[in-house]
C-alpha atoms as a PDB file:
ATOM      1  CA  MET A   1      -6.306  20.372   6.599  1.00  0.00           C
ATOM      2  CA  PRO A   2      -7.329  16.533   7.753  1.00  0.00           C
ATOM      3  CA  GLU A   3     -10.334  15.290   5.879  1.00  0.00           C
ATOM      4  CA  GLY A   4     -13.244  14.983   8.757  1.00  0.00           C
ATOM      5  CA  ASP A   5     -12.419  10.895   8.560  1.00  0.00           C
ATOM      6  CA  THR A   6      -8.867  11.018   9.971  1.00  0.00           C
ATOM      7  CA  VAL A   7      -9.722  13.124  12.683  1.00  0.00           C
ATOM      8  CA  TYR A   8     -13.069  11.273  13.793  1.00  0.00           C
ATOM      9  CA  ARG A   9     -10.177   8.153  13.178  1.00  0.00           C
ATOM     10  CA  THR A  10      -7.703   9.984  15.438  1.00  0.00           C
ATOM     11  CA  ALA A  11     -10.491  10.764  18.164  1.00  0.00           C
ATOM     12  CA  ALA A  12     -11.881   7.237  18.278  1.00  0.00           C
ATOM     13  CA  ARG A  13      -8.466   5.867  19.034  1.00  0.00           C
ATOM     14  CA  LEU A  14      -7.762   8.399  22.052  1.00  0.00           C
ATOM     15  CA  HIS A  15     -11.255   7.901  23.118  1.00  0.00           C
ATOM     16  CA  GLN A  16     -10.637   4.099  23.287  1.00  0.00           C
ATOM     17  CA  ALA A  17      -6.759   4.599  25.309  1.00  0.00           C
ATOM     18  CA  LEU A  18      -8.012   7.375  27.462  1.00  0.00           C
ATOM     19  CA  ALA A  19     -11.829   7.474  28.287  1.00  0.00           C
ATOM     20  CA  GLY A  20     -12.742   6.704  32.155  1.00  0.00           C
ATOM     21  CA  ARG A  21      -8.906   6.583  32.841  1.00  0.00           C
ATOM     22  CA  LEU A  22      -7.401   9.540  35.093  1.00  0.00           C
ATOM     23  CA  LEU A  23      -4.707  11.418  34.298  1.00  0.00           C
ATOM     24  CA  THR A  24      -1.088  10.546  35.951  1.00  0.00           C
ATOM     25  CA  GLY A  25       0.407  13.531  34.326  1.00  0.00           C
ATOM     26  CA  ALA A  26       0.091  16.427  31.721  1.00  0.00           C
ATOM     27  CA  ASP A  27       2.079  18.458  29.619  1.00  0.00           C
ATOM     28  CA  PHE A  28       1.037  21.510  27.894  1.00  0.00           C
ATOM     29  CA  ARG A  29       4.210  23.278  25.670  1.00  0.00           C
ATOM     30  CA  VAL A  30       2.303  26.407  24.996  1.00  0.00           C
ATOM     31  CA  PRO A  31       3.231  29.337  26.476  1.00  0.00           C
ATOM     32  CA  ALA A  32      -1.020  29.830  27.720  1.00  0.00           C
ATOM     33  CA  HIS A  33      -1.209  26.476  29.451  1.00  0.00           C
ATOM     34  CA  ALA A  34       2.172  25.753  30.197  1.00  0.00           C
ATOM     35  CA  THR A  35       1.590  25.753  33.831  1.00  0.00           C
ATOM     36  CA  ALA A  36      -2.090  23.851  33.683  1.00  0.00           C
ATOM     37  CA  ASP A  37      -2.066  20.779  35.831  1.00  0.00           C
ATOM     38  CA  LEU A  38      -4.494  18.061  34.810  1.00  0.00           C
ATOM     39  CA  SER A  39      -3.600  15.323  37.080  1.00  0.00           C
ATOM     40  CA  GLY A  40      -6.192  13.516  38.923  1.00  0.00           C
ATOM     41  CA  ARG A  41      -8.839  14.563  36.265  1.00  0.00           C
ATOM     42  CA  ARG A  42     -10.815  12.034  34.553  1.00  0.00           C
ATOM     43  CA  VAL A  43     -11.035  11.944  31.028  1.00  0.00           C
ATOM     44  CA  LEU A  44     -14.715  11.749  30.117  1.00  0.00           C
ATOM     45  CA  ASP A  45     -14.850  11.428  26.116  1.00  0.00           C
ATOM     46  CA  VAL A  46     -12.529  12.647  23.242  1.00  0.00           C
ATOM     47  CA  THR A  47     -15.345  13.731  20.485  1.00  0.00           C
ATOM     48  CA  PRO A  48     -14.709  15.122  17.098  1.00  0.00           C
ATOM     49  CA  ARG A  49     -16.291  17.605  15.643  1.00  0.00           C
ATOM     50  CA  GLY A  50     -15.642  18.496  12.035  1.00  0.00           C
ATOM     51  CA  LYS A  51     -11.974  18.733  12.123  1.00  0.00           C
ATOM     52  CA  HIS A  52     -11.700  19.795  15.694  1.00  0.00           C
ATOM     53  CA  LEU A  53     -10.686  17.810  18.431  1.00  0.00           C
ATOM     54  CA  LEU A  54     -12.825  18.485  22.095  1.00  0.00           C
ATOM     55  CA  THR A  55     -10.938  16.098  24.967  1.00  0.00           C
ATOM     56  CA  ARG A  56     -13.266  16.360  28.005  1.00  0.00           C
ATOM     57  CA  PHE A  57     -12.357  16.337  31.763  1.00  0.00           C
ATOM     58  CA  ASP A  58     -14.281  16.060  34.685  1.00  0.00           C
ATOM     59  CA  GLY A  59     -14.408  19.338  36.757  1.00  0.00           C
ATOM     60  CA  ASP A  60     -16.087  21.138  33.436  1.00  0.00           C
ATOM     61  CA  LEU A  61     -12.973  21.282  31.375  1.00  0.00           C
ATOM     62  CA  THR A  62     -12.225  20.192  27.697  1.00  0.00           C
ATOM     63  CA  LEU A  63      -8.856  20.621  25.599  1.00  0.00           C
ATOM     64  CA  HIS A  64      -9.418  21.685  22.434  1.00  0.00           C
ATOM     65  CA  THR A  65      -7.137  20.971  19.562  1.00  0.00           C
ATOM     66  CA  HIS A  66      -6.840  21.240  15.750  1.00  0.00           C
ATOM     67  CA  LEU A  67      -4.366  19.201  13.522  1.00  0.00           C
ATOM     68  CA  ARG A  68      -4.522  21.461  10.641  1.00  0.00           C
ATOM     69  CA  MET A  69      -2.022  20.553   7.817  1.00  0.00           C
ATOM     70  CA  ASP A  70       1.045  18.985   9.952  1.00  0.00           C
ATOM     71  CA  GLY A  71      -0.342  18.101  13.294  1.00  0.00           C
ATOM     72  CA  SER A  72      -0.847  14.634  14.831  1.00  0.00           C
ATOM     73  CA  TRP A  73      -1.575  12.580  17.906  1.00  0.00           C
ATOM     74  CA  GLU A  74       0.606  10.016  18.592  1.00  0.00           C
ATOM     75  CA  LEU A  75      -0.326   7.056  21.124  1.00  0.00           C
ATOM     76  CA  TYR A  76       2.312   4.924  23.559  1.00  0.00           C
ATOM     77  CA  ARG A  77       1.945   2.707  26.117  1.00  0.00           C
ATOM     78  CA  THR A  78       3.023   4.624  29.272  1.00  0.00           C
ATOM     79  CA  GLY A  79       6.882   4.235  29.230  1.00  0.00           C
ATOM     80  CA  GLU A  80       7.335   3.475  25.815  1.00  0.00           C
ATOM     81  CA  ARG A  81      10.133   5.754  23.623  1.00  0.00           C
ATOM     82  CA  TRP A  82       7.787   8.394  21.905  1.00  0.00           C
ATOM     83  CA  ARG A  83       8.713   8.296  18.054  1.00  0.00           C
ATOM     84  CA  GLY A  84       6.265  10.719  16.344  1.00  0.00           C
ATOM     85  CA  GLY A  85       8.988  13.678  16.068  1.00  0.00           C
ATOM     86  CA  ALA A  86      11.137  15.902  17.536  1.00  0.00           C
ATOM     87  CA  ALA A  87      11.024  16.804  21.120  1.00  0.00           C
ATOM     88  CA  HIS A  88      10.586  20.616  19.893  1.00  0.00           C
ATOM     89  CA  GLN A  89       7.556  19.590  17.711  1.00  0.00           C
ATOM     90  CA  ILE A  90       5.405  18.149  20.753  1.00  0.00           C
ATOM     91  CA  ARG A  91       2.497  20.525  22.136  1.00  0.00           C
ATOM     92  CA  ALA A  92       0.414  18.371  24.532  1.00  0.00           C
ATOM     93  CA  VAL A  93       1.226  15.243  26.565  1.00  0.00           C
ATOM     94  CA  LEU A  94      -1.757  13.601  28.355  1.00  0.00           C
ATOM     95  CA  VAL A  95      -0.585  10.774  30.513  1.00  0.00           C
ATOM     96  CA  THR A  96      -2.643   7.701  32.333  1.00  0.00           C
ATOM     97  CA  ALA A  97      -1.225   4.608  33.909  1.00  0.00           C
ATOM     98  CA  GLU A  98      -1.896   2.632  30.486  1.00  0.00           C
ATOM     99  CA  HIS A  99      -1.180   5.150  27.748  1.00  0.00           C
ATOM    100  CA  THR A 100       0.275   8.136  27.006  1.00  0.00           C
ATOM    101  CA  ALA A 101      -1.398  10.669  24.036  1.00  0.00           C
ATOM    102  CA  VAL A 102       1.391  12.995  22.309  1.00  0.00           C
ATOM    103  CA  GLY A 103       0.483  15.767  20.388  1.00  0.00           C
ATOM    104  CA  TYR A 104       3.023  16.907  17.372  1.00  0.00           C
ATOM    105  CA  ARG A 105       2.750  19.773  15.621  1.00  0.00           C
ATOM    106  CA  LEU A 106      -0.081  21.157  16.886  1.00  0.00           C
ATOM    107  CA  PRO A 107      -1.504  24.511  15.734  1.00  0.00           C
ATOM    108  CA  VAL A 108      -4.127  24.962  18.371  1.00  0.00           C
ATOM    109  CA  VAL A 109      -3.882  24.089  21.814  1.00  0.00           C
ATOM    110  CA  GLU A 110      -6.714  25.291  24.226  1.00  0.00           C
ATOM    111  CA  LEU A 111      -8.174  24.760  27.719  1.00  0.00           C
ATOM    112  CA  LEU A 112     -11.562  26.133  28.165  1.00  0.00           C
ATOM    113  CA  ARG A 113     -14.756  25.338  30.176  1.00  0.00           C
ATOM    114  CA  SER A 114     -16.737  22.633  28.692  1.00  0.00           C
ATOM    115  CA  ALA A 115     -19.701  24.788  28.870  1.00  0.00           C
ATOM    116  CA  ASP A 116     -18.132  27.242  26.319  1.00  0.00           C
ATOM    117  CA  GLU A 117     -17.185  24.780  24.009  1.00  0.00           C
ATOM    118  CA  GLN A 118     -19.439  26.783  21.396  1.00  0.00           C
ATOM    119  CA  ARG A 119     -17.040  29.543  21.157  1.00  0.00           C
ATOM    120  CA  VAL A 120     -14.221  27.424  18.902  1.00  0.00           C
ATOM    121  CA  VAL A 121     -16.815  24.946  17.238  1.00  0.00           C
ATOM    122  CA  GLY A 122     -20.382  26.861  17.293  1.00  0.00           C
ATOM    123  CA  HIS A 123     -19.496  28.784  13.760  1.00  0.00           C
ATOM    124  CA  LEU A 124     -19.897  25.066  12.477  1.00  0.00           C
ATOM    125  CA  GLY A 125     -22.142  23.828  10.059  1.00  0.00           C
ATOM    126  CA  PRO A 126     -23.966  20.147  10.126  1.00  0.00           C
ATOM    127  CA  ASP A 127     -20.902  17.417  10.797  1.00  0.00           C
ATOM    128  CA  LEU A 128     -21.050  14.966   8.012  1.00  0.00           C
ATOM    129  CA  LEU A 129     -19.703  12.387  10.869  1.00  0.00           C
ATOM    130  CA  GLY A 130     -21.754  13.877  13.804  1.00  0.00           C
ATOM    131  CA  PRO A 131     -24.951  12.495  15.122  1.00  0.00           C
ATOM    132  CA  ASP A 132     -26.726  15.338  14.453  1.00  0.00           C
ATOM    133  CA  TRP A 133     -25.926  15.397  10.495  1.00  0.00           C
ATOM    134  CA  ASP A 134     -28.150  17.639   8.889  1.00  0.00           C
ATOM    135  CA  LEU A 135     -28.824  17.374   5.229  1.00  0.00           C
ATOM    136  CA  ALA A 136     -31.219  19.920   5.000  1.00  0.00           C
ATOM    137  CA  GLU A 137     -29.313  22.486   7.446  1.00  0.00           C
ATOM    138  CA  ALA A 138     -26.077  21.816   4.914  1.00  0.00           C
ATOM    139  CA  LEU A 139     -28.276  22.560   2.018  1.00  0.00           C
ATOM    140  CA  CYS A 140     -29.837  25.563   3.035  1.00  0.00           C
ATOM    141  CA  ARG A 141     -26.168  27.391   4.252  1.00  0.00           C
ATOM    142  CA  LEU A 142     -24.671  26.351   0.657  1.00  0.00           C
ATOM    143  CA  THR A 143     -27.451  27.762  -1.049  1.00  0.00           C
ATOM    144  CA  GLU A 144     -26.947  31.285   0.575  1.00  0.00           C
ATOM    145  CA  GLN A 145     -24.157  32.270  -1.938  1.00  0.00           C
ATOM    146  CA  PRO A 146     -25.107  30.220  -5.535  1.00  0.00           C
ATOM    147  CA  GLU A 147     -22.136  32.324  -6.774  1.00  0.00           C
ATOM    148  CA  LEU A 148     -19.422  30.296  -4.452  1.00  0.00           C
ATOM    149  CA  PRO A 149     -17.595  28.034  -6.563  1.00  0.00           C
ATOM    150  CA  LEU A 150     -18.394  24.160  -5.717  1.00  0.00           C
ATOM    151  CA  ALA A 151     -15.587  22.956  -4.256  1.00  0.00           C
ATOM    152  CA  GLU A 152     -14.736  26.362  -2.272  1.00  0.00           C
ATOM    153  CA  ALA A 153     -18.118  26.188  -0.793  1.00  0.00           C
ATOM    154  CA  LEU A 154     -17.443  22.666   0.230  1.00  0.00           C
ATOM    155  CA  LEU A 155     -14.346  23.341   1.732  1.00  0.00           C
ATOM    156  CA  ASP A 156     -15.975  25.957   3.787  1.00  0.00           C
ATOM    157  CA  GLN A 157     -16.466  24.417   7.303  1.00  0.00           C
ATOM    158  CA  ARG A 158     -19.116  26.854   8.289  1.00  0.00           C
ATOM    159  CA  LYS A 159     -21.386  25.524   5.537  1.00  0.00           C
ATOM    160  CA  LEU A 160     -20.510  21.865   6.401  1.00  0.00           C
ATOM    161  CA  ALA A 161     -18.049  20.580   8.613  1.00  0.00           C
ATOM    162  CA  GLY A 162     -15.405  17.620   7.379  1.00  0.00           C
ATOM    163  CA  ILE A 163     -14.646  17.852   3.965  1.00  0.00           C
ATOM    164  CA  GLY A 164     -11.122  18.621   2.913  1.00  0.00           C
ATOM    165  CA  ASN A 165      -9.613  19.159  -0.537  1.00  0.00           C
ATOM    166  CA  VAL A 166      -9.525  15.192  -1.087  1.00  0.00           C
ATOM    167  CA  TYR A 167     -13.327  15.100  -1.065  1.00  0.00           C
ATOM    168  CA  ALA A 168     -13.839  18.353  -2.826  1.00  0.00           C
ATOM    169  CA  ASN A 169     -12.139  17.466  -5.593  1.00  0.00           C
ATOM    170  CA  GLU A 170     -13.298  13.700  -5.902  1.00  0.00           C
ATOM    171  CA  LEU A 171     -17.209  14.884  -5.026  1.00  0.00           C
ATOM    172  CA  CYS A 172     -16.812  17.527  -7.962  1.00  0.00           C
ATOM    173  CA  TYR A 173     -15.368  14.870 -10.247  1.00  0.00           C
ATOM    174  CA  LEU A 174     -18.253  12.401  -9.098  1.00  0.00           C
ATOM    175  CA  ALA A 175     -20.718  14.713 -10.152  1.00  0.00           C
ATOM    176  CA  GLY A 176     -19.231  15.511 -13.105  1.00  0.00           C
ATOM    177  CA  VAL A 177     -18.694  19.110 -12.918  1.00  0.00           C
ATOM    178  CA  THR A 178     -15.254  20.999 -12.445  1.00  0.00           C
ATOM    179  CA  PRO A 179     -14.197  22.485  -9.132  1.00  0.00           C
ATOM    180  CA  TRP A 180     -14.997  26.237 -10.082  1.00  0.00           C
ATOM    181  CA  THR A 181     -18.696  25.625 -11.226  1.00  0.00           C
ATOM    182  CA  PRO A 182     -21.303  27.916  -9.486  1.00  0.00           C
ATOM    183  CA  LEU A 183     -23.001  26.500  -6.963  1.00  0.00           C
ATOM    184  CA  GLY A 184     -26.366  27.771  -8.141  1.00  0.00           C
ATOM    185  CA  THR A 185     -25.979  26.193 -11.578  1.00  0.00           C
ATOM    186  CA  VAL A 186     -25.398  22.591 -10.011  1.00  0.00           C
ATOM    187  CA  PRO A 187     -28.858  20.312 -10.069  1.00  0.00           C
ATOM    188  CA  THR A 188     -27.570  17.752  -7.827  1.00  0.00           C
ATOM    189  CA  LEU A 189     -26.370  19.056  -4.708  1.00  0.00           C
ATOM    190  CA  ASP A 190     -28.676  16.858  -2.390  1.00  0.00           C
ATOM    191  CA  ARG A 191     -27.176  14.247  -4.204  1.00  0.00           C
ATOM    192  CA  ILE A 192     -23.652  15.528  -3.771  1.00  0.00           C
ATOM    193  CA  LEU A 193     -23.839  15.869   0.113  1.00  0.00           C
ATOM    194  CA  ALA A 194     -25.553  12.567   0.069  1.00  0.00           C
ATOM    195  CA  ARG A 195     -22.553  10.748  -1.367  1.00  0.00           C
ATOM    196  CA  ALA A 196     -20.098  13.012   1.071  1.00  0.00           C
ATOM    197  CA  HIS A 197     -21.694  11.344   3.815  1.00  0.00           C
ATOM    198  CA  GLN A 198     -21.417   8.211   2.425  1.00  0.00           C
ATOM    199  CA  LEU A 199     -18.330   8.351   1.571  1.00  0.00           C
ATOM    200  CA  LEU A 200     -16.734   9.675   4.915  1.00  0.00           C
ATOM    201  CA  ASP A 201     -18.690   7.018   6.813  1.00  0.00           C
ATOM    202  CA  ALA A 202     -17.702   4.409   4.777  1.00  0.00           C
ATOM    203  CA  ASN A 203     -13.711   5.704   5.241  1.00  0.00           C
ATOM    204  CA  LYS A 204     -13.923   6.945   9.010  1.00  0.00           C
ATOM    205  CA  LEU A 205     -12.145   3.455  10.254  1.00  0.00           C
ATOM    206  CA  ARG A 206      -9.623   3.179   7.509  1.00  0.00           C
ATOM    207  CA  PRO A 207      -7.217   5.018   6.392  1.00  0.00           C
ATOM    208  CA  GLY A 208      -6.167   6.837   2.419  1.00  0.00           C
ATOM    209  CA  HIS A 209      -9.808   8.156   1.457  1.00  0.00           C
ATOM    210  CA  PRO A 210     -10.568   5.763  -1.100  1.00  0.00           C
ATOM    211  CA  THR A 211     -13.315   6.941  -3.674  1.00  0.00           C
ATOM    212  CA  THR A 212     -13.144   4.653  -6.417  1.00  0.00           C
ATOM    213  CA  GLY A 213     -13.541   1.203  -4.640  1.00  0.00           C
ATOM    214  CA  GLU A 214      -9.957   0.399  -4.570  1.00  0.00           C
ATOM    215  CA  THR A 215      -7.314   0.572  -1.874  1.00  0.00           C
ATOM    216  CA  ARG A 216      -4.710   0.615  -4.121  1.00  0.00           C
ATOM    217  CA  PRO A 217      -2.617   4.103  -3.499  1.00  0.00           C
ATOM    218  CA  ASP A 218      -2.357   4.496  -7.459  1.00  0.00           C
ATOM    219  CA  ARG A 219      -6.205   3.657  -7.990  1.00  0.00           C
ATOM    220  CA  ARG A 220      -7.912   4.737  -4.665  1.00  0.00           C
ATOM    221  CA  ASN A 221      -8.853   8.273  -5.864  1.00  0.00           C
ATOM    222  CA  PHE A 222     -10.447   9.303  -9.568  1.00  0.00           C
ATOM    223  CA  VAL A 223      -8.252  12.789  -9.662  1.00  0.00           C
ATOM    224  CA  TYR A 224      -7.087  14.192  -6.391  1.00  0.00           C
ATOM    225  CA  GLY A 225      -3.074  13.696  -6.804  1.00  0.00           C
ATOM    226  CA  ARG A 226      -3.144  12.492 -10.089  1.00  0.00           C
ATOM    227  CA  ALA A 227      -2.266  15.194 -12.213  1.00  0.00           C
ATOM    228  CA  ARG A 228      -0.943  14.653 -15.299  1.00  0.00           C
ATOM    229  CA  ARG A 229      -1.847  10.591 -15.262  1.00  0.00           C
ATOM    230  CA  PRO A 230      -4.761   9.263 -17.015  1.00  0.00           C
ATOM    231  CA  CYS A 231      -8.143   9.714 -16.275  1.00  0.00           C
ATOM    232  CA  LEU A 232      -9.513   6.290 -14.935  1.00  0.00           C
ATOM    233  CA  ARG A 233     -12.538   6.429 -16.953  1.00  0.00           C
ATOM    234  CA  CYS A 234     -11.559   7.736 -20.180  1.00  0.00           C
ATOM    235  CA  GLY A 235      -8.022   8.349 -20.619  1.00  0.00           C
ATOM    236  CA  THR A 236      -7.567  11.998 -20.764  1.00  0.00           C
ATOM    237  CA  ALA A 237      -4.613  13.588 -18.913  1.00  0.00           C
ATOM    238  CA  ILE A 238      -6.102  14.907 -15.401  1.00  0.00           C
ATOM    239  CA  ARG A 239      -5.458  18.959 -14.986  1.00  0.00           C
ATOM    240  CA  THR A 240      -4.805  20.729 -11.695  1.00  0.00           C
ATOM    241  CA  ALA A 241      -4.627  24.595 -10.613  1.00  0.00           C
ATOM    242  CA  PRO A 242      -5.239  26.485  -7.586  1.00  0.00           C
ATOM    243  CA  HIS A 243      -8.797  26.442  -6.476  1.00  0.00           C
ATOM    244  CA  ALA A 244      -8.950  30.262  -6.834  1.00  0.00           C
ATOM    245  CA  GLN A 245      -6.150  32.222  -8.460  1.00  0.00           C
ATOM    246  CA  GLY A 246      -4.395  35.386  -6.677  1.00  0.00           C
ATOM    247  CA  GLN A 247      -6.731  34.847  -3.490  1.00  0.00           C
ATOM    248  CA  GLY A 248      -3.758  33.335  -1.081  1.00  0.00           C
ATOM    249  CA  ARG A 249      -5.436  29.608  -1.824  1.00  0.00           C
ATOM    250  CA  ASP A 250      -2.306  27.429  -2.800  1.00  0.00           C
ATOM    251  CA  ARG A 251      -4.807  23.583  -2.635  1.00  0.00           C
ATOM    252  CA  PRO A 252      -4.865  22.425  -5.644  1.00  0.00           C
ATOM    253  CA  ALA A 253      -7.736  21.332  -7.458  1.00  0.00           C
ATOM    254  CA  PHE A 254      -7.547  18.539 -10.134  1.00  0.00           C
ATOM    255  CA  TRP A 255      -9.886  17.656 -12.547  1.00  0.00           C
ATOM    256  CA  CYS A 256     -10.539  16.008 -16.120  1.00  0.00           C
ATOM    257  CA  PRO A 257     -11.746  17.990 -18.962  1.00  0.00           C
ATOM    258  CA  ARG A 258     -13.543  15.344 -20.545  1.00  0.00           C
ATOM    259  CA  CYS A 259     -15.468  13.684 -17.917  1.00  0.00           C
ATOM    260  CA  GLN A 260     -16.405  17.033 -15.991  1.00  0.00           C
ATOM    261  CA  HIS A 261     -17.948  20.135 -17.299  1.00  0.00           C
ATOM    262  CA  GLY A 262     -18.378  23.769 -16.309  1.00  0.00           C
ATOM    263  CA  PRO A 263     -15.271  26.462 -16.071  1.00  0.00           C
ATOM    264  CA  ALA A 264     -11.846  25.967 -15.408  1.00  0.00           C
ATOM    265  CA  PRO A 265      -9.150  28.415 -15.057  1.00  0.00           C
ATOM    266  CA  THR A 266      -7.255  29.973 -17.641  1.00  0.00           C
ATOM    267  CA  VAL A 267      -3.711  29.425 -15.671  1.00  0.00           C
ATOM    268  CA  ARG A 268      -2.746  25.934 -14.993  1.00  0.00           C
ATOM    269  CA  ARG A 269       0.132  24.361 -13.109  1.00  0.00           C
END
């Protein structure tokens, strides 16, 4: 799944291009909404909620989309050739006089009443990039399950919304603990969440999720994507393994065995 800052940046681009404009056309290439006609509706706003996108129209209507691993929204001048992927990958199209927004490979495309948005996002924890970010509430949700591994808990959008695998791994490194360290043994959860908010806020309008202070691709992260490469601090080879063995979770964890302390898996890859 994308990081929360990626979704925020996508929402900002769509909002700038579409908000306040009338739709001259719309095309939803999913069976449930294939016949929906939104022509003539005004786009009110495009709002991120964690990793969800809510595009609101007048008349109490919202388009709920989610990018997950491969989805994207691309913007074009109306009449410009679309270049974001093959035609069969298109799931949603929103057209105004000035811009056309094309959603590629979107696994979630759902039209619903704006009054019913809580049905699709009400389960989410405090949004790290939302106006109502609440560190105390996020801490409360996290500490309900002290036995959970830190990285797994950070990735649980019901506890706090916006952290993906890049930040989960980087935050563990910055805290000096391995991704499998139980929450109940981490004494600095409040500082970890404060750092998470700081990082996502700093990166919400720039790509790449840098956490080191550098933007070069080979040095912008401490451990994420750096398996077998030297740690930027101590030179030890970074290791990698699945977050959870035998549970169908194929997202990789990365850690430095010297800079990070705590449990590690017995099987490595």
